[in-house]
mmCIF file of all heavy atoms, coordinates in Angstrom:
data_MODEL
# 
_entry.id   MODEL 
# 
loop_
_atom_site.group_PDB 
_atom_site.id 
_atom_site.type_symbol 
_atom_site.label_atom_id 
_atom_site.label_alt_id 
_atom_site.label_comp_id 
_atom_site.label_asym_id 
_atom_site.label_entity_id 
_atom_site.label_seq_id 
_atom_site.pdbx_PDB_ins_code 
_atom_site.Cartn_x 
_atom_site.Cartn_y 
_atom_site.Cartn_z 
_atom_site.occupancy 
_atom_site.B_iso_or_equiv 
_atom_site.pdbx_formal_charge 
_atom_site.auth_seq_id 
_atom_site.auth_comp_id 
_atom_site.auth_asym_id 
_atom_site.auth_atom_id 
_atom_site.pdbx_PDB_model_num 
ATOM 1   N N   . ASN A 1 1  ? 74.976 26.101 -114.153 1.00 0.00 ? 1  ASN A N   1 
ATOM 2   C CA  . ASN A 1 1  ? 73.586 25.811 -113.788 1.00 0.00 ? 1  ASN A CA  1 
ATOM 3   C C   . ASN A 1 1  ? 72.625 26.817 -114.420 1.00 0.00 ? 1  ASN A C   1 
ATOM 4   O O   . ASN A 1 1  ? 71.674 27.269 -113.780 1.00 0.00 ? 1  ASN A O   1 
ATOM 5   C CB  . ASN A 1 1  ? 73.411 25.812 -112.270 1.00 0.00 ? 1  ASN A CB  1 
ATOM 6   C CG  . ASN A 1 1  ? 74.075 24.628 -111.608 1.00 0.00 ? 1  ASN A CG  1 
ATOM 7   O OD1 . ASN A 1 1  ? 74.208 23.557 -112.207 1.00 0.00 ? 1  ASN A OD1 1 
ATOM 8   N ND2 . ASN A 1 1  ? 74.496 24.815 -110.367 1.00 0.00 ? 1  ASN A ND2 1 
ATOM 9   N N   . THR A 1 2  ? 72.882 27.135 -115.670 1.00 0.00 ? 2  THR A N   1 
ATOM 10  C CA  . THR A 1 2  ? 72.120 28.177 -116.351 1.00 0.00 ? 2  THR A CA  1 
ATOM 11  C C   . THR A 1 2  ? 71.600 27.684 -117.696 1.00 0.00 ? 2  THR A C   1 
ATOM 12  O O   . THR A 1 2  ? 72.339 27.080 -118.482 1.00 0.00 ? 2  THR A O   1 
ATOM 13  C CB  . THR A 1 2  ? 72.973 29.430 -116.568 1.00 0.00 ? 2  THR A CB  1 
ATOM 14  O OG1 . THR A 1 2  ? 73.427 29.920 -115.299 1.00 0.00 ? 2  THR A OG1 1 
ATOM 15  C CG2 . THR A 1 2  ? 72.173 30.525 -117.252 1.00 0.00 ? 2  THR A CG2 1 
ATOM 16  N N   . MET A 1 3  ? 70.332 27.963 -117.947 1.00 0.00 ? 3  MET A N   1 
ATOM 17  C CA  . MET A 1 3  ? 69.690 27.646 -119.207 1.00 0.00 ? 3  MET A CA  1 
ATOM 18  C C   . MET A 1 3  ? 69.484 28.933 -119.978 1.00 0.00 ? 3  MET A C   1 
ATOM 19  O O   . MET A 1 3  ? 69.220 29.986 -119.392 1.00 0.00 ? 3  MET A O   1 
ATOM 20  C CB  . MET A 1 3  ? 68.347 26.962 -118.939 1.00 0.00 ? 3  MET A CB  1 
ATOM 21  C CG  . MET A 1 3  ? 67.677 26.333 -120.132 1.00 0.00 ? 3  MET A CG  1 
ATOM 22  S SD  . MET A 1 3  ? 66.201 25.398 -119.624 1.00 0.00 ? 3  MET A SD  1 
ATOM 23  C CE  . MET A 1 3  ? 65.158 26.759 -119.046 1.00 0.00 ? 3  MET A CE  1 
ATOM 24  N N   . TYR A 1 4  ? 69.592 28.855 -121.309 1.00 0.00 ? 4  TYR A N   1 
ATOM 25  C CA  . TYR A 1 4  ? 69.515 30.041 -122.147 1.00 0.00 ? 4  TYR A CA  1 
ATOM 26  C C   . TYR A 1 4  ? 68.476 29.885 -123.242 1.00 0.00 ? 4  TYR A C   1 
ATOM 27  O O   . TYR A 1 4  ? 68.153 28.775 -123.672 1.00 0.00 ? 4  TYR A O   1 
ATOM 28  C CB  . TYR A 1 4  ? 70.863 30.325 -122.811 1.00 0.00 ? 4  TYR A CB  1 
ATOM 29  C CG  . TYR A 1 4  ? 72.012 30.486 -121.852 1.00 0.00 ? 4  TYR A CG  1 
ATOM 30  C CD1 . TYR A 1 4  ? 72.827 29.407 -121.527 1.00 0.00 ? 4  TYR A CD1 1 
ATOM 31  C CD2 . TYR A 1 4  ? 72.290 31.723 -121.278 1.00 0.00 ? 4  TYR A CD2 1 
ATOM 32  C CE1 . TYR A 1 4  ? 73.890 29.550 -120.655 1.00 0.00 ? 4  TYR A CE1 1 
ATOM 33  C CE2 . TYR A 1 4  ? 73.348 31.877 -120.402 1.00 0.00 ? 4  TYR A CE2 1 
ATOM 34  C CZ  . TYR A 1 4  ? 74.144 30.793 -120.092 1.00 0.00 ? 4  TYR A CZ  1 
ATOM 35  O OH  . TYR A 1 4  ? 75.198 30.937 -119.221 1.00 0.00 ? 4  TYR A OH  1 
ATOM 36  N N   . LEU A 1 5  ? 67.988 31.022 -123.707 1.00 0.00 ? 5  LEU A N   1 
ATOM 37  C CA  . LEU A 1 5  ? 67.171 31.067 -124.906 1.00 0.00 ? 5  LEU A CA  1 
ATOM 38  C C   . LEU A 1 5  ? 67.712 32.182 -125.788 1.00 0.00 ? 5  LEU A C   1 
ATOM 39  O O   . LEU A 1 5  ? 67.570 33.362 -125.464 1.00 0.00 ? 5  LEU A O   1 
ATOM 40  C CB  . LEU A 1 5  ? 65.698 31.315 -124.585 1.00 0.00 ? 5  LEU A CB  1 
ATOM 41  C CG  . LEU A 1 5  ? 64.765 31.295 -125.800 1.00 0.00 ? 5  LEU A CG  1 
ATOM 42  C CD1 . LEU A 1 5  ? 64.686 29.879 -126.378 1.00 0.00 ? 5  LEU A CD1 1 
ATOM 43  C CD2 . LEU A 1 5  ? 63.370 31.789 -125.434 1.00 0.00 ? 5  LEU A CD2 1 
ATOM 44  N N   . GLN A 1 6  ? 68.358 31.796 -126.880 1.00 0.00 ? 6  GLN A N   1 
ATOM 45  C CA  . GLN A 1 6  ? 68.846 32.755 -127.856 1.00 0.00 ? 6  GLN A CA  1 
ATOM 46  C C   . GLN A 1 6  ? 67.727 33.036 -128.846 1.00 0.00 ? 6  GLN A C   1 
ATOM 47  O O   . GLN A 1 6  ? 67.218 32.118 -129.491 1.00 0.00 ? 6  GLN A O   1 
ATOM 48  C CB  . GLN A 1 6  ? 70.071 32.202 -128.585 1.00 0.00 ? 6  GLN A CB  1 
ATOM 49  C CG  . GLN A 1 6  ? 70.620 33.118 -129.668 1.00 0.00 ? 6  GLN A CG  1 
ATOM 50  C CD  . GLN A 1 6  ? 71.205 34.391 -129.119 1.00 0.00 ? 6  GLN A CD  1 
ATOM 51  O OE1 . GLN A 1 6  ? 71.917 34.358 -128.115 1.00 0.00 ? 6  GLN A OE1 1 
ATOM 52  N NE2 . GLN A 1 6  ? 70.911 35.515 -129.759 1.00 0.00 ? 6  GLN A NE2 1 
ATOM 53  N N   . MET A 1 7  ? 67.344 34.294 -128.967 1.00 0.00 ? 7  MET A N   1 
ATOM 54  C CA  . MET A 1 7  ? 66.240 34.689 -129.830 1.00 0.00 ? 7  MET A CA  1 
ATOM 55  C C   . MET A 1 7  ? 66.777 35.602 -130.925 1.00 0.00 ? 7  MET A C   1 
ATOM 56  O O   . MET A 1 7  ? 67.263 36.698 -130.642 1.00 0.00 ? 7  MET A O   1 
ATOM 57  C CB  . MET A 1 7  ? 65.147 35.389 -129.028 1.00 0.00 ? 7  MET A CB  1 
ATOM 58  C CG  . MET A 1 7  ? 64.612 34.565 -127.866 1.00 0.00 ? 7  MET A CG  1 
ATOM 59  S SD  . MET A 1 7  ? 63.232 35.368 -127.007 1.00 0.00 ? 7  MET A SD  1 
ATOM 60  C CE  . MET A 1 7  ? 64.086 36.786 -126.319 1.00 0.00 ? 7  MET A CE  1 
ATOM 61  N N   . ASP A 1 8  ? 66.677 35.148 -132.158 1.00 0.00 ? 8  ASP A N   1 
ATOM 62  C CA  . ASP A 1 8  ? 67.136 35.910 -133.310 1.00 0.00 ? 8  ASP A CA  1 
ATOM 63  C C   . ASP A 1 8  ? 65.958 36.214 -134.228 1.00 0.00 ? 8  ASP A C   1 
ATOM 64  O O   . ASP A 1 8  ? 64.916 35.576 -134.160 1.00 0.00 ? 8  ASP A O   1 
ATOM 65  C CB  . ASP A 1 8  ? 68.202 35.133 -134.085 1.00 0.00 ? 8  ASP A CB  1 
ATOM 66  C CG  . ASP A 1 8  ? 69.454 34.849 -133.280 1.00 0.00 ? 8  ASP A CG  1 
ATOM 67  O OD1 . ASP A 1 8  ? 69.896 35.743 -132.534 1.00 0.00 ? 8  ASP A OD1 1 
ATOM 68  O OD2 . ASP A 1 8  ? 69.991 33.725 -133.409 1.00 0.00 ? 8  ASP A OD2 1 
ATOM 69  N N   . SER A 1 9  ? 66.156 37.185 -135.104 1.00 0.00 ? 9  SER A N   1 
ATOM 70  C CA  . SER A 1 9  ? 65.122 37.572 -136.072 1.00 0.00 ? 9  SER A CA  1 
ATOM 71  C C   . SER A 1 9  ? 63.775 37.787 -135.389 1.00 0.00 ? 9  SER A C   1 
ATOM 72  O O   . SER A 1 9  ? 62.741 37.285 -135.832 1.00 0.00 ? 9  SER A O   1 
ATOM 73  C CB  . SER A 1 9  ? 64.998 36.504 -137.167 1.00 0.00 ? 9  SER A CB  1 
ATOM 74  O OG  . SER A 1 9  ? 66.225 36.321 -137.839 1.00 0.00 ? 9  SER A OG  1 
ATOM 75  N N   . LEU A 1 10 ? 63.796 38.554 -134.318 1.00 0.00 ? 10 LEU A N   1 
ATOM 76  C CA  . LEU A 1 10 ? 62.595 38.755 -133.521 1.00 0.00 ? 10 LEU A CA  1 
ATOM 77  C C   . LEU A 1 10 ? 61.503 39.465 -134.311 1.00 0.00 ? 10 LEU A C   1 
ATOM 78  O O   . LEU A 1 10 ? 61.768 40.356 -135.126 1.00 0.00 ? 10 LEU A O   1 
ATOM 79  C CB  . LEU A 1 10 ? 62.931 39.535 -132.263 1.00 0.00 ? 10 LEU A CB  1 
ATOM 80  C CG  . LEU A 1 10 ? 63.614 38.709 -131.170 1.00 0.00 ? 10 LEU A CG  1 
ATOM 81  C CD1 . LEU A 1 10 ? 64.301 39.606 -130.159 1.00 0.00 ? 10 LEU A CD1 1 
ATOM 82  C CD2 . LEU A 1 10 ? 62.588 37.814 -130.478 1.00 0.00 ? 10 LEU A CD2 1 
ATOM 83  N N   . LYS A 1 11 ? 60.277 39.054 -134.042 1.00 0.00 ? 11 LYS A N   1 
ATOM 84  C CA  . LYS A 1 11 ? 59.100 39.607 -134.677 1.00 0.00 ? 11 LYS A CA  1 
ATOM 85  C C   . LYS A 1 11 ? 58.204 40.266 -133.635 1.00 0.00 ? 11 LYS A C   1 
ATOM 86  O O   . LYS A 1 11 ? 58.306 39.979 -132.445 1.00 0.00 ? 11 LYS A O   1 
ATOM 87  C CB  . LYS A 1 11 ? 58.309 38.511 -135.390 1.00 0.00 ? 11 LYS A CB  1 
ATOM 88  C CG  . LYS A 1 11 ? 59.086 37.736 -136.433 1.00 0.00 ? 11 LYS A CG  1 
ATOM 89  C CD  . LYS A 1 11 ? 58.237 36.619 -137.010 1.00 0.00 ? 11 LYS A CD  1 
ATOM 90  C CE  . LYS A 1 11 ? 58.994 35.839 -138.065 1.00 0.00 ? 11 LYS A CE  1 
ATOM 91  N NZ  . LYS A 1 11 ? 58.166 34.738 -138.625 1.00 0.00 ? 11 LYS A NZ  1 
ATOM 92  N N   . LEU A 1 12 ? 57.313 41.132 -134.098 1.00 0.00 ? 12 LEU A N   1 
ATOM 93  C CA  . LEU A 1 12 ? 56.373 41.781 -133.190 1.00 0.00 ? 12 LEU A CA  1 
ATOM 94  C C   . LEU A 1 12 ? 55.570 40.749 -132.399 1.00 0.00 ? 12 LEU A C   1 
ATOM 95  O O   . LEU A 1 12 ? 55.264 40.970 -131.221 1.00 0.00 ? 12 LEU A O   1 
ATOM 96  C CB  . LEU A 1 12 ? 55.427 42.698 -133.960 1.00 0.00 ? 12 LEU A CB  1 
ATOM 97  C CG  . LEU A 1 12 ? 56.045 43.911 -134.650 1.00 0.00 ? 12 LEU A CG  1 
ATOM 98  C CD1 . LEU A 1 12 ? 54.977 44.677 -135.416 1.00 0.00 ? 12 LEU A CD1 1 
ATOM 99  C CD2 . LEU A 1 12 ? 56.730 44.821 -133.645 1.00 0.00 ? 12 LEU A CD2 1 
ATOM 100 N N   . GLU A 1 13 ? 55.253 39.639 -133.027 1.00 0.00 ? 13 GLU A N   1 
ATOM 101 C CA  . GLU A 1 13 ? 54.455 38.595 -132.399 1.00 0.00 ? 13 GLU A CA  1 
ATOM 102 C C   . GLU A 1 13 ? 55.183 37.871 -131.270 1.00 0.00 ? 13 GLU A C   1 
ATOM 103 O O   . GLU A 1 13 ? 54.565 37.102 -130.531 1.00 0.00 ? 13 GLU A O   1 
ATOM 104 C CB  . GLU A 1 13 ? 54.014 37.565 -133.449 1.00 0.00 ? 13 GLU A CB  1 
ATOM 105 C CG  . GLU A 1 13 ? 53.286 38.165 -134.637 1.00 0.00 ? 13 GLU A CG  1 
ATOM 106 C CD  . GLU A 1 13 ? 54.238 38.585 -135.738 1.00 0.00 ? 13 GLU A CD  1 
ATOM 107 O OE1 . GLU A 1 13 ? 54.585 37.730 -136.585 1.00 0.00 ? 13 GLU A OE1 1 
ATOM 108 O OE2 . GLU A 1 13 ? 54.637 39.772 -135.758 1.00 0.00 ? 13 GLU A OE2 1 
ATOM 109 N N   . ASP A 1 14 ? 56.491 38.083 -131.136 1.00 0.00 ? 14 ASP A N   1 
ATOM 110 C CA  . ASP A 1 14 ? 57.254 37.470 -130.058 1.00 0.00 ? 14 ASP A CA  1 
ATOM 111 C C   . ASP A 1 14 ? 57.119 38.226 -128.743 1.00 0.00 ? 14 ASP A C   1 
ATOM 112 O O   . ASP A 1 14 ? 57.599 37.755 -127.707 1.00 0.00 ? 14 ASP A O   1 
ATOM 113 C CB  . ASP A 1 14 ? 58.737 37.376 -130.430 1.00 0.00 ? 14 ASP A CB  1 
ATOM 114 C CG  . ASP A 1 14 ? 58.992 36.462 -131.614 1.00 0.00 ? 14 ASP A CG  1 
ATOM 115 O OD1 . ASP A 1 14 ? 58.353 35.391 -131.688 1.00 0.00 ? 14 ASP A OD1 1 
ATOM 116 O OD2 . ASP A 1 14 ? 59.827 36.817 -132.459 1.00 0.00 ? 14 ASP A OD2 1 
ATOM 117 N N   . THR A 1 15 ? 56.503 39.388 -128.769 1.00 0.00 ? 15 THR A N   1 
ATOM 118 C CA  . THR A 1 15 ? 56.316 40.178 -127.558 1.00 0.00 ? 15 THR A CA  1 
ATOM 119 C C   . THR A 1 15 ? 55.496 39.400 -126.538 1.00 0.00 ? 15 THR A C   1 
ATOM 120 O O   . THR A 1 15 ? 54.382 38.958 -126.827 1.00 0.00 ? 15 THR A O   1 
ATOM 121 C CB  . THR A 1 15 ? 55.624 41.506 -127.879 1.00 0.00 ? 15 THR A CB  1 
ATOM 122 O OG1 . THR A 1 15 ? 56.476 42.296 -128.714 1.00 0.00 ? 15 THR A OG1 1 
ATOM 123 C CG2 . THR A 1 15 ? 55.323 42.285 -126.614 1.00 0.00 ? 15 THR A CG2 1 
ATOM 124 N N   . ALA A 1 16 ? 56.051 39.222 -125.334 1.00 0.00 ? 16 ALA A N   1 
ATOM 125 C CA  . ALA A 1 16 ? 55.396 38.446 -124.291 1.00 0.00 ? 16 ALA A CA  1 
ATOM 126 C C   . ALA A 1 16 ? 56.258 38.476 -123.036 1.00 0.00 ? 16 ALA A C   1 
ATOM 127 O O   . ALA A 1 16 ? 57.391 38.966 -123.054 1.00 0.00 ? 16 ALA A O   1 
ATOM 128 C CB  . ALA A 1 16 ? 55.187 36.994 -124.742 1.00 0.00 ? 16 ALA A CB  1 
ATOM 129 N N   . VAL A 1 17 ? 55.712 37.934 -121.952 1.00 0.00 ? 17 VAL A N   1 
ATOM 130 C CA  . VAL A 1 17 ? 56.510 37.650 -120.770 1.00 0.00 ? 17 VAL A CA  1 
ATOM 131 C C   . VAL A 1 17 ? 57.026 36.228 -120.917 1.00 0.00 ? 17 VAL A C   1 
ATOM 132 O O   . VAL A 1 17 ? 56.246 35.302 -121.147 1.00 0.00 ? 17 VAL A O   1 
ATOM 133 C CB  . VAL A 1 17 ? 55.702 37.792 -119.471 1.00 0.00 ? 17 VAL A CB  1 
ATOM 134 C CG1 . VAL A 1 17 ? 56.552 37.404 -118.267 1.00 0.00 ? 17 VAL A CG1 1 
ATOM 135 C CG2 . VAL A 1 17 ? 55.200 39.218 -119.321 1.00 0.00 ? 17 VAL A CG2 1 
ATOM 136 N N   . TYR A 1 18 ? 58.323 36.053 -120.795 1.00 0.00 ? 18 TYR A N   1 
ATOM 137 C CA  . TYR A 1 18 ? 58.953 34.756 -120.961 1.00 0.00 ? 18 TYR A CA  1 
ATOM 138 C C   . TYR A 1 18 ? 59.315 34.167 -119.601 1.00 0.00 ? 18 TYR A C   1 
ATOM 139 O O   . TYR A 1 18 ? 59.917 34.836 -118.757 1.00 0.00 ? 18 TYR A O   1 
ATOM 140 C CB  . TYR A 1 18 ? 60.210 34.872 -121.825 1.00 0.00 ? 18 TYR A CB  1 
ATOM 141 C CG  . TYR A 1 18 ? 59.898 35.035 -123.286 1.00 0.00 ? 18 TYR A CG  1 
ATOM 142 C CD1 . TYR A 1 18 ? 59.373 36.230 -123.769 1.00 0.00 ? 18 TYR A CD1 1 
ATOM 143 C CD2 . TYR A 1 18 ? 60.111 33.994 -124.196 1.00 0.00 ? 18 TYR A CD2 1 
ATOM 144 C CE1 . TYR A 1 18 ? 59.061 36.377 -125.109 1.00 0.00 ? 18 TYR A CE1 1 
ATOM 145 C CE2 . TYR A 1 18 ? 59.803 34.144 -125.537 1.00 0.00 ? 18 TYR A CE2 1 
ATOM 146 C CZ  . TYR A 1 18 ? 59.277 35.336 -125.985 1.00 0.00 ? 18 TYR A CZ  1 
ATOM 147 O OH  . TYR A 1 18 ? 58.971 35.488 -127.316 1.00 0.00 ? 18 TYR A OH  1 
ATOM 148 N N   . TYR A 1 19 ? 58.940 32.913 -119.404 1.00 0.00 ? 19 TYR A N   1 
ATOM 149 C CA  . TYR A 1 19 ? 59.191 32.205 -118.158 1.00 0.00 ? 19 TYR A CA  1 
ATOM 150 C C   . TYR A 1 19 ? 60.051 30.972 -118.422 1.00 0.00 ? 19 TYR A C   1 
ATOM 151 O O   . TYR A 1 19 ? 59.793 30.228 -119.366 1.00 0.00 ? 19 TYR A O   1 
ATOM 152 C CB  . TYR A 1 19 ? 57.890 31.732 -117.511 1.00 0.00 ? 19 TYR A CB  1 
ATOM 153 C CG  . TYR A 1 19 ? 56.935 32.829 -117.138 1.00 0.00 ? 19 TYR A CG  1 
ATOM 154 C CD1 . TYR A 1 19 ? 55.993 33.290 -118.039 1.00 0.00 ? 19 TYR A CD1 1 
ATOM 155 C CD2 . TYR A 1 19 ? 56.970 33.394 -115.862 1.00 0.00 ? 19 TYR A CD2 1 
ATOM 156 C CE1 . TYR A 1 19 ? 55.107 34.296 -117.691 1.00 0.00 ? 19 TYR A CE1 1 
ATOM 157 C CE2 . TYR A 1 19 ? 56.088 34.392 -115.502 1.00 0.00 ? 19 TYR A CE2 1 
ATOM 158 C CZ  . TYR A 1 19 ? 55.158 34.840 -116.425 1.00 0.00 ? 19 TYR A CZ  1 
ATOM 159 O OH  . TYR A 1 19 ? 54.282 35.836 -116.067 1.00 0.00 ? 19 TYR A OH  1 
ATOM 160 N N   . CYS A 1 20 ? 61.037 30.743 -117.573 1.00 0.00 ? 20 CYS A N   1 
ATOM 161 C CA  . CYS A 1 20 ? 61.805 29.517 -117.684 1.00 0.00 ? 20 CYS A CA  1 
ATOM 162 C C   . CYS A 1 20 ? 61.293 28.493 -116.688 1.00 0.00 ? 20 CYS A C   1 
ATOM 163 O O   . CYS A 1 20 ? 60.754 28.837 -115.632 1.00 0.00 ? 20 CYS A O   1 
ATOM 164 C CB  . CYS A 1 20 ? 63.300 29.764 -117.490 1.00 0.00 ? 20 CYS A CB  1 
ATOM 165 S SG  . CYS A 1 20 ? 63.801 30.315 -115.841 1.00 0.00 ? 20 CYS A SG  1 
ATOM 166 N N   . HIS A 1 21 ? 61.465 27.240 -117.040 1.00 0.00 ? 21 HIS A N   1 
ATOM 167 C CA  . HIS A 1 21 ? 61.079 26.121 -116.190 1.00 0.00 ? 21 HIS A CA  1 
ATOM 168 C C   . HIS A 1 21 ? 62.203 25.100 -116.196 1.00 0.00 ? 21 HIS A C   1 
ATOM 169 O O   . HIS A 1 21 ? 62.775 24.804 -117.249 1.00 0.00 ? 21 HIS A O   1 
ATOM 170 C CB  . HIS A 1 21 ? 59.789 25.483 -116.710 1.00 0.00 ? 21 HIS A CB  1 
ATOM 171 C CG  . HIS A 1 21 ? 59.545 24.118 -116.155 1.00 0.00 ? 21 HIS A CG  1 
ATOM 172 N ND1 . HIS A 1 21 ? 59.834 22.963 -116.864 1.00 0.00 ? 21 HIS A ND1 1 
ATOM 173 C CD2 . HIS A 1 21 ? 59.051 23.716 -114.955 1.00 0.00 ? 21 HIS A CD2 1 
ATOM 174 C CE1 . HIS A 1 21 ? 59.524 21.914 -116.120 1.00 0.00 ? 21 HIS A CE1 1 
ATOM 175 N NE2 . HIS A 1 21 ? 59.053 22.346 -114.971 1.00 0.00 ? 21 HIS A NE2 1 
ATOM 176 N N   . GLN A 1 22 ? 62.515 24.575 -115.017 1.00 0.00 ? 22 GLN A N   1 
ATOM 177 C CA  . GLN A 1 22 ? 63.503 23.513 -114.921 1.00 0.00 ? 22 GLN A CA  1 
ATOM 178 C C   . GLN A 1 22 ? 63.024 22.423 -113.975 1.00 0.00 ? 22 GLN A C   1 
ATOM 179 O O   . GLN A 1 22 ? 62.489 22.714 -112.900 1.00 0.00 ? 22 GLN A O   1 
ATOM 180 C CB  . GLN A 1 22 ? 64.860 24.051 -114.446 1.00 0.00 ? 22 GLN A CB  1 
ATOM 181 C CG  . GLN A 1 22 ? 65.522 25.026 -115.415 1.00 0.00 ? 22 GLN A CG  1 
ATOM 182 C CD  . GLN A 1 22 ? 66.947 25.352 -115.044 1.00 0.00 ? 22 GLN A CD  1 
ATOM 183 O OE1 . GLN A 1 22 ? 67.727 24.468 -114.656 1.00 0.00 ? 22 GLN A OE1 1 
ATOM 184 N NE2 . GLN A 1 22 ? 67.313 26.619 -115.172 1.00 0.00 ? 22 GLN A NE2 1 
ATOM 185 N N   . ASP A 1 23 ? 63.214 21.196 -114.401 1.00 0.00 ? 23 ASP A N   1 
ATOM 186 C CA  . ASP A 1 23 ? 62.933 20.014 -113.596 1.00 0.00 ? 23 ASP A CA  1 
ATOM 187 C C   . ASP A 1 23 ? 64.265 19.599 -112.974 1.00 0.00 ? 23 ASP A C   1 
ATOM 188 O O   . ASP A 1 23 ? 65.155 19.120 -113.672 1.00 0.00 ? 23 ASP A O   1 
ATOM 189 C CB  . ASP A 1 23 ? 62.358 18.919 -114.489 1.00 0.00 ? 23 ASP A CB  1 
ATOM 190 C CG  . ASP A 1 23 ? 62.101 17.616 -113.776 1.00 0.00 ? 23 ASP A CG  1 
ATOM 191 O OD1 . ASP A 1 23 ? 62.416 17.504 -112.575 1.00 0.00 ? 23 ASP A OD1 1 
ATOM 192 O OD2 . ASP A 1 23 ? 61.561 16.697 -114.423 1.00 0.00 ? 23 ASP A OD2 1 
ATOM 193 N N   . LEU A 1 24 ? 64.388 19.789 -111.666 1.00 0.00 ? 24 LEU A N   1 
ATOM 194 C CA  . LEU A 1 24 ? 65.664 19.599 -110.990 1.00 0.00 ? 24 LEU A CA  1 
ATOM 195 C C   . LEU A 1 24 ? 65.552 18.612 -109.842 1.00 0.00 ? 24 LEU A C   1 
ATOM 196 O O   . LEU A 1 24 ? 64.510 18.501 -109.200 1.00 0.00 ? 24 LEU A O   1 
ATOM 197 C CB  . LEU A 1 24 ? 66.189 20.925 -110.438 1.00 0.00 ? 24 LEU A CB  1 
ATOM 198 C CG  . LEU A 1 24 ? 66.376 22.064 -111.446 1.00 0.00 ? 24 LEU A CG  1 
ATOM 199 C CD1 . LEU A 1 24 ? 66.756 23.345 -110.726 1.00 0.00 ? 24 LEU A CD1 1 
ATOM 200 C CD2 . LEU A 1 24 ? 67.433 21.697 -112.479 1.00 0.00 ? 24 LEU A CD2 1 
ATOM 201 N N   . THR A 1 25 ? 66.654 17.917 -109.577 1.00 0.00 ? 25 THR A N   1 
ATOM 202 C CA  . THR A 1 25 ? 66.764 17.037 -108.427 1.00 0.00 ? 25 THR A CA  1 
ATOM 203 C C   . THR A 1 25 ? 67.732 17.659 -107.432 1.00 0.00 ? 25 THR A C   1 
ATOM 204 O O   . THR A 1 25 ? 68.909 17.848 -107.734 1.00 0.00 ? 25 THR A O   1 
ATOM 205 C CB  . THR A 1 25 ? 67.256 15.640 -108.828 1.00 0.00 ? 25 THR A CB  1 
ATOM 206 O OG1 . THR A 1 25 ? 66.323 15.038 -109.723 1.00 0.00 ? 25 THR A OG1 1 
ATOM 207 C CG2 . THR A 1 25 ? 67.403 14.756 -107.592 1.00 0.00 ? 25 THR A CG2 1 
ATOM 208 N N   . ASP A 1 26 ? 67.218 17.996 -106.254 1.00 0.00 ? 26 ASP A N   1 
ATOM 209 C CA  . ASP A 1 26 ? 67.991 18.634 -105.199 1.00 0.00 ? 26 ASP A CA  1 
ATOM 210 C C   . ASP A 1 26 ? 67.814 17.823 -103.920 1.00 0.00 ? 26 ASP A C   1 
ATOM 211 O O   . ASP A 1 26 ? 66.688 17.644 -103.458 1.00 0.00 ? 26 ASP A O   1 
ATOM 212 C CB  . ASP A 1 26 ? 67.519 20.069 -105.000 1.00 0.00 ? 26 ASP A CB  1 
ATOM 213 C CG  . ASP A 1 26 ? 68.311 20.809 -103.934 1.00 0.00 ? 26 ASP A CG  1 
ATOM 214 O OD1 . ASP A 1 26 ? 69.475 20.445 -103.696 1.00 0.00 ? 26 ASP A OD1 1 
ATOM 215 O OD2 . ASP A 1 26 ? 67.757 21.768 -103.352 1.00 0.00 ? 26 ASP A OD2 1 
ATOM 216 N N   . TRP A 1 27 ? 68.926 17.344 -103.360 1.00 0.00 ? 27 TRP A N   1 
ATOM 217 C CA  . TRP A 1 27 ? 68.873 16.496 -102.165 1.00 0.00 ? 27 TRP A CA  1 
ATOM 218 C C   . TRP A 1 27 ? 67.898 15.331 -102.368 1.00 0.00 ? 27 TRP A C   1 
ATOM 219 O O   . TRP A 1 27 ? 67.058 15.041 -101.518 1.00 0.00 ? 27 TRP A O   1 
ATOM 220 C CB  . TRP A 1 27 ? 68.515 17.300 -100.919 1.00 0.00 ? 27 TRP A CB  1 
ATOM 221 C CG  . TRP A 1 27 ? 69.674 18.092 -100.406 1.00 0.00 ? 27 TRP A CG  1 
ATOM 222 C CD1 . TRP A 1 27 ? 69.932 19.403 -100.623 1.00 0.00 ? 27 TRP A CD1 1 
ATOM 223 C CD2 . TRP A 1 27 ? 70.750 17.597 -99.591  1.00 0.00 ? 27 TRP A CD2 1 
ATOM 224 N NE1 . TRP A 1 27 ? 71.096 19.764 -100.000 1.00 0.00 ? 27 TRP A NE1 1 
ATOM 225 C CE2 . TRP A 1 27 ? 71.626 18.680 -99.354  1.00 0.00 ? 27 TRP A CE2 1 
ATOM 226 C CE3 . TRP A 1 27 ? 71.053 16.349 -99.025  1.00 0.00 ? 27 TRP A CE3 1 
ATOM 227 C CZ2 . TRP A 1 27 ? 72.790 18.548 -98.589  1.00 0.00 ? 27 TRP A CZ2 1 
ATOM 228 C CZ3 . TRP A 1 27 ? 72.217 16.224 -98.272  1.00 0.00 ? 27 TRP A CZ3 1 
ATOM 229 C CH2 . TRP A 1 27 ? 73.063 17.318 -98.065  1.00 0.00 ? 27 TRP A CH2 1 
ATOM 230 N N   . PHE A 1 28 ? 68.016 14.721 -103.537 1.00 0.00 ? 28 PHE A N   1 
ATOM 231 C CA  . PHE A 1 28 ? 67.276 13.512 -103.898 1.00 0.00 ? 28 PHE A CA  1 
ATOM 232 C C   . PHE A 1 28 ? 65.786 13.745 -104.154 1.00 0.00 ? 28 PHE A C   1 
ATOM 233 O O   . PHE A 1 28 ? 65.044 12.779 -104.363 1.00 0.00 ? 28 PHE A O   1 
ATOM 234 C CB  . PHE A 1 28 ? 67.457 12.423 -102.834 1.00 0.00 ? 28 PHE A CB  1 
ATOM 235 C CG  . PHE A 1 28 ? 68.886 12.212 -102.439 1.00 0.00 ? 28 PHE A CG  1 
ATOM 236 C CD1 . PHE A 1 28 ? 69.361 12.646 -101.204 1.00 0.00 ? 28 PHE A CD1 1 
ATOM 237 C CD2 . PHE A 1 28 ? 69.759 11.583 -103.300 1.00 0.00 ? 28 PHE A CD2 1 
ATOM 238 C CE1 . PHE A 1 28 ? 70.683 12.448 -100.850 1.00 0.00 ? 28 PHE A CE1 1 
ATOM 239 C CE2 . PHE A 1 28 ? 71.084 11.382 -102.951 1.00 0.00 ? 28 PHE A CE2 1 
ATOM 240 C CZ  . PHE A 1 28 ? 71.546 11.819 -101.724 1.00 0.00 ? 28 PHE A CZ  1 
# 
């Protein structure tokens, strides 16, 4: 139940706060 973001060749411009979002169905 885990989502990932693999980030390669990072640049200075990638600096930020990263947020994940998931659309989930729980108990219908």
